N, C-alpha and C. Protein backbone atom coordinates (compact mmCIF):
# COMPACT_ATOMS: atom_id res chain seq x y z
N UNK A 1 45.35 -92.18 -16.70
CA UNK A 1 46.67 -91.57 -16.79
C UNK A 1 47.30 -91.99 -18.12
N UNK A 2 47.75 -91.00 -18.89
CA UNK A 2 48.37 -91.34 -20.17
C UNK A 2 49.84 -91.72 -19.97
N UNK A 3 50.47 -92.16 -21.05
CA UNK A 3 51.85 -92.66 -20.97
C UNK A 3 52.82 -91.59 -20.49
N UNK A 4 52.64 -90.35 -20.94
CA UNK A 4 53.56 -89.29 -20.54
C UNK A 4 53.40 -88.97 -19.05
N UNK A 5 52.16 -88.95 -18.55
CA UNK A 5 51.93 -88.73 -17.12
C UNK A 5 52.55 -89.85 -16.29
N UNK A 6 52.41 -91.08 -16.77
CA UNK A 6 52.98 -92.22 -16.06
C UNK A 6 54.51 -92.12 -16.04
N UNK A 7 55.08 -91.72 -17.17
CA UNK A 7 56.54 -91.56 -17.25
C UNK A 7 57.01 -90.50 -16.25
N UNK A 8 56.25 -89.38 -16.15
CA UNK A 8 56.61 -88.32 -15.22
C UNK A 8 56.55 -88.84 -13.78
N UNK A 9 55.55 -89.62 -13.45
CA UNK A 9 55.43 -90.15 -12.09
C UNK A 9 56.54 -91.17 -11.80
N UNK A 10 56.90 -91.99 -12.79
CA UNK A 10 58.03 -92.92 -12.62
C UNK A 10 59.32 -92.13 -12.41
N UNK A 11 59.48 -91.06 -13.17
CA UNK A 11 60.65 -90.20 -13.05
C UNK A 11 60.68 -89.53 -11.68
N UNK A 12 59.52 -89.07 -11.22
CA UNK A 12 59.43 -88.43 -9.90
C UNK A 12 59.90 -89.42 -8.81
N UNK A 13 59.46 -90.66 -8.90
CA UNK A 13 59.85 -91.67 -7.92
C UNK A 13 61.36 -91.92 -7.96
N UNK A 14 61.91 -92.00 -9.15
CA UNK A 14 63.35 -92.24 -9.32
C UNK A 14 64.16 -91.09 -8.72
N UNK A 15 63.81 -89.86 -9.08
CA UNK A 15 64.55 -88.69 -8.60
C UNK A 15 64.38 -88.53 -7.09
N UNK A 16 63.17 -88.75 -6.59
CA UNK A 16 62.93 -88.64 -5.15
C UNK A 16 63.79 -89.63 -4.37
N UNK A 17 63.94 -90.84 -4.91
CA UNK A 17 64.77 -91.83 -4.25
C UNK A 17 66.22 -91.37 -4.18
N UNK A 18 66.73 -90.83 -5.28
CA UNK A 18 68.12 -90.35 -5.31
C UNK A 18 68.30 -89.17 -4.34
N UNK A 19 67.31 -88.27 -4.30
CA UNK A 19 67.42 -87.09 -3.44
C UNK A 19 67.01 -87.37 -1.99
N UNK A 20 66.56 -88.61 -1.74
CA UNK A 20 66.15 -89.03 -0.41
C UNK A 20 65.02 -88.17 0.16
N UNK A 21 63.99 -87.95 -0.68
CA UNK A 21 62.77 -87.27 -0.27
C UNK A 21 61.58 -88.13 -0.70
N UNK A 22 60.42 -87.83 -0.16
CA UNK A 22 59.21 -88.53 -0.57
C UNK A 22 58.78 -88.00 -1.94
N UNK A 23 58.27 -88.85 -2.82
CA UNK A 23 57.86 -88.40 -4.15
C UNK A 23 56.89 -87.22 -4.12
N UNK A 24 55.97 -87.21 -3.15
CA UNK A 24 55.01 -86.11 -3.09
C UNK A 24 55.65 -84.78 -2.65
N UNK A 25 56.85 -84.83 -2.09
CA UNK A 25 57.58 -83.61 -1.71
C UNK A 25 58.29 -82.99 -2.92
N UNK A 26 58.50 -83.77 -3.96
CA UNK A 26 59.26 -83.32 -5.13
C UNK A 26 58.32 -82.64 -6.12
N UNK A 27 58.46 -81.31 -6.24
CA UNK A 27 57.62 -80.57 -7.16
C UNK A 27 58.24 -80.57 -8.55
N UNK A 28 57.44 -80.25 -9.55
CA UNK A 28 57.92 -80.23 -10.94
C UNK A 28 59.00 -79.17 -11.15
N UNK A 29 58.92 -78.05 -10.44
CA UNK A 29 59.85 -76.94 -10.68
C UNK A 29 60.79 -76.66 -9.51
N UNK A 30 60.76 -77.50 -8.48
CA UNK A 30 61.67 -77.30 -7.35
C UNK A 30 63.11 -77.55 -7.74
N UNK A 31 63.97 -76.59 -7.45
CA UNK A 31 65.38 -76.68 -7.81
C UNK A 31 66.07 -77.76 -6.97
N UNK A 32 66.68 -78.74 -7.65
CA UNK A 32 67.32 -79.85 -6.96
C UNK A 32 68.38 -79.38 -5.97
N UNK A 33 69.21 -78.44 -6.37
CA UNK A 33 70.31 -78.00 -5.52
C UNK A 33 69.84 -77.09 -4.40
N UNK A 34 68.99 -76.12 -4.73
CA UNK A 34 68.57 -75.15 -3.72
C UNK A 34 67.53 -75.71 -2.76
N UNK A 35 66.55 -76.44 -3.28
CA UNK A 35 65.45 -76.90 -2.43
C UNK A 35 65.67 -78.29 -1.84
N UNK A 36 66.45 -79.13 -2.54
CA UNK A 36 66.61 -80.51 -2.09
C UNK A 36 68.06 -80.86 -1.74
N UNK A 37 68.93 -79.85 -1.75
CA UNK A 37 70.33 -79.99 -1.35
C UNK A 37 71.08 -81.08 -2.10
N UNK A 38 70.79 -81.19 -3.39
CA UNK A 38 71.50 -82.16 -4.24
C UNK A 38 72.89 -81.64 -4.57
N UNK A 39 73.80 -82.56 -4.79
CA UNK A 39 75.14 -82.18 -5.23
C UNK A 39 75.39 -82.82 -6.60
N UNK A 40 76.56 -82.59 -7.13
CA UNK A 40 76.86 -83.09 -8.48
C UNK A 40 76.85 -84.62 -8.55
N UNK A 41 77.23 -85.28 -7.47
CA UNK A 41 77.21 -86.75 -7.48
C UNK A 41 75.79 -87.27 -7.59
N UNK A 42 74.86 -86.61 -6.93
CA UNK A 42 73.45 -87.04 -7.04
C UNK A 42 72.93 -86.78 -8.45
N UNK A 43 73.35 -85.69 -9.05
CA UNK A 43 72.93 -85.41 -10.43
C UNK A 43 73.43 -86.49 -11.38
N UNK A 44 74.67 -86.91 -11.20
CA UNK A 44 75.23 -87.98 -12.03
C UNK A 44 74.49 -89.29 -11.76
N UNK A 45 74.13 -89.53 -10.51
CA UNK A 45 73.38 -90.75 -10.18
C UNK A 45 72.00 -90.73 -10.86
N UNK A 46 71.38 -89.57 -10.91
CA UNK A 46 70.09 -89.45 -11.62
C UNK A 46 70.27 -89.84 -13.08
N UNK A 47 71.32 -89.32 -13.73
CA UNK A 47 71.57 -89.66 -15.13
C UNK A 47 71.80 -91.16 -15.30
N UNK A 48 72.56 -91.75 -14.41
CA UNK A 48 72.84 -93.18 -14.51
C UNK A 48 71.56 -94.00 -14.37
N UNK A 49 70.69 -93.59 -13.46
CA UNK A 49 69.44 -94.32 -13.27
C UNK A 49 68.48 -94.12 -14.45
N UNK A 50 68.51 -92.93 -15.06
CA UNK A 50 67.70 -92.70 -16.26
C UNK A 50 68.13 -93.65 -17.36
N UNK A 51 69.44 -93.79 -17.52
CA UNK A 51 69.98 -94.69 -18.54
C UNK A 51 69.52 -96.12 -18.28
N UNK A 52 69.59 -96.53 -17.02
CA UNK A 52 69.23 -97.91 -16.68
C UNK A 52 67.72 -98.16 -16.79
N UNK A 53 66.91 -97.26 -16.23
CA UNK A 53 65.47 -97.49 -16.19
C UNK A 53 64.77 -97.19 -17.50
N UNK A 54 65.17 -96.08 -18.16
CA UNK A 54 64.46 -95.66 -19.37
C UNK A 54 65.24 -95.96 -20.64
N UNK A 55 66.43 -96.52 -20.52
CA UNK A 55 67.27 -96.87 -21.67
C UNK A 55 67.51 -95.66 -22.57
N UNK A 56 67.86 -94.53 -21.93
CA UNK A 56 68.15 -93.31 -22.67
C UNK A 56 69.41 -92.68 -22.07
N UNK A 57 70.28 -92.21 -22.95
CA UNK A 57 71.53 -91.61 -22.49
C UNK A 57 71.44 -90.10 -22.67
N UNK A 58 71.50 -89.39 -21.55
CA UNK A 58 71.52 -87.93 -21.57
C UNK A 58 72.96 -87.51 -21.28
N UNK A 59 73.56 -86.72 -22.17
CA UNK A 59 74.97 -86.34 -21.99
C UNK A 59 75.20 -85.57 -20.68
N UNK A 60 76.31 -85.84 -20.02
CA UNK A 60 76.64 -85.13 -18.78
C UNK A 60 76.78 -83.63 -19.01
N UNK A 61 77.06 -83.22 -20.23
CA UNK A 61 77.17 -81.80 -20.55
C UNK A 61 75.86 -81.05 -20.29
N UNK A 62 74.74 -81.78 -20.26
CA UNK A 62 73.44 -81.16 -20.01
C UNK A 62 73.12 -81.03 -18.52
N UNK A 63 73.96 -81.55 -17.66
CA UNK A 63 73.69 -81.51 -16.22
C UNK A 63 73.33 -80.11 -15.69
N UNK A 64 74.02 -79.05 -16.09
CA UNK A 64 73.67 -77.73 -15.54
C UNK A 64 72.22 -77.30 -15.82
N UNK A 65 71.63 -77.81 -16.90
CA UNK A 65 70.25 -77.44 -17.22
C UNK A 65 69.23 -78.32 -16.50
N UNK A 66 69.65 -79.45 -15.99
CA UNK A 66 68.73 -80.41 -15.38
C UNK A 66 68.57 -80.12 -13.90
N UNK A 67 67.96 -78.97 -13.61
CA UNK A 67 67.87 -78.48 -12.23
C UNK A 67 66.56 -78.80 -11.54
N UNK A 68 65.57 -79.30 -12.30
CA UNK A 68 64.30 -79.65 -11.67
C UNK A 68 63.64 -80.79 -12.44
N UNK A 69 62.57 -81.31 -11.90
CA UNK A 69 61.92 -82.47 -12.49
C UNK A 69 61.41 -82.17 -13.90
N UNK A 70 60.86 -80.99 -14.09
CA UNK A 70 60.34 -80.60 -15.41
C UNK A 70 61.45 -80.63 -16.46
N UNK A 71 62.62 -80.11 -16.13
CA UNK A 71 63.75 -80.08 -17.07
C UNK A 71 64.27 -81.49 -17.35
N UNK A 72 64.31 -82.34 -16.34
CA UNK A 72 64.76 -83.72 -16.54
C UNK A 72 63.77 -84.46 -17.42
N UNK A 73 62.48 -84.24 -17.19
CA UNK A 73 61.46 -84.91 -18.00
C UNK A 73 61.57 -84.46 -19.46
N UNK A 74 61.77 -83.16 -19.69
CA UNK A 74 61.92 -82.64 -21.06
C UNK A 74 63.13 -83.28 -21.74
N UNK A 75 64.24 -83.41 -21.01
CA UNK A 75 65.45 -84.02 -21.57
C UNK A 75 65.20 -85.50 -21.87
N UNK A 76 64.48 -86.17 -21.00
CA UNK A 76 64.15 -87.57 -21.21
C UNK A 76 63.34 -87.75 -22.49
N UNK A 77 62.35 -86.90 -22.67
CA UNK A 77 61.53 -86.96 -23.88
C UNK A 77 62.37 -86.65 -25.12
N UNK A 78 63.19 -85.60 -25.02
CA UNK A 78 64.03 -85.17 -26.14
C UNK A 78 65.00 -86.27 -26.57
N UNK A 79 65.62 -86.92 -25.62
CA UNK A 79 66.62 -87.95 -25.95
C UNK A 79 65.97 -89.30 -26.26
N UNK A 80 64.70 -89.44 -25.94
CA UNK A 80 63.97 -90.67 -26.28
C UNK A 80 63.40 -90.59 -27.69
N UNK A 81 63.27 -89.40 -28.23
CA UNK A 81 62.67 -89.21 -29.55
C UNK A 81 63.46 -90.00 -30.61
N UNK A 82 62.72 -90.68 -31.46
CA UNK A 82 63.35 -91.43 -32.53
C UNK A 82 63.75 -92.83 -32.15
N UNK A 83 63.62 -93.15 -30.86
CA UNK A 83 63.92 -94.52 -30.43
C UNK A 83 62.71 -95.39 -30.67
N UNK A 84 62.94 -96.62 -30.97
CA UNK A 84 61.83 -97.57 -31.16
C UNK A 84 61.80 -98.56 -30.03
């Protein structure tokens, strides 16, 4: 497993915990709100945990686009770029 795959699996575990589902139930493209009944507070909690675990700050203005695991992972990579 390469570093990016490991990061995605770590992210899956983090998001699954916030959404109170098993990690294997969380698909890459499943809509957090429609399929997992997430609300805005859970979305903010996901951002807070990303900041804590991955040391990356994703602006709350991006929340509307962060609707599934794939989008959150892309934002994580994008905001991690250039960090050492």
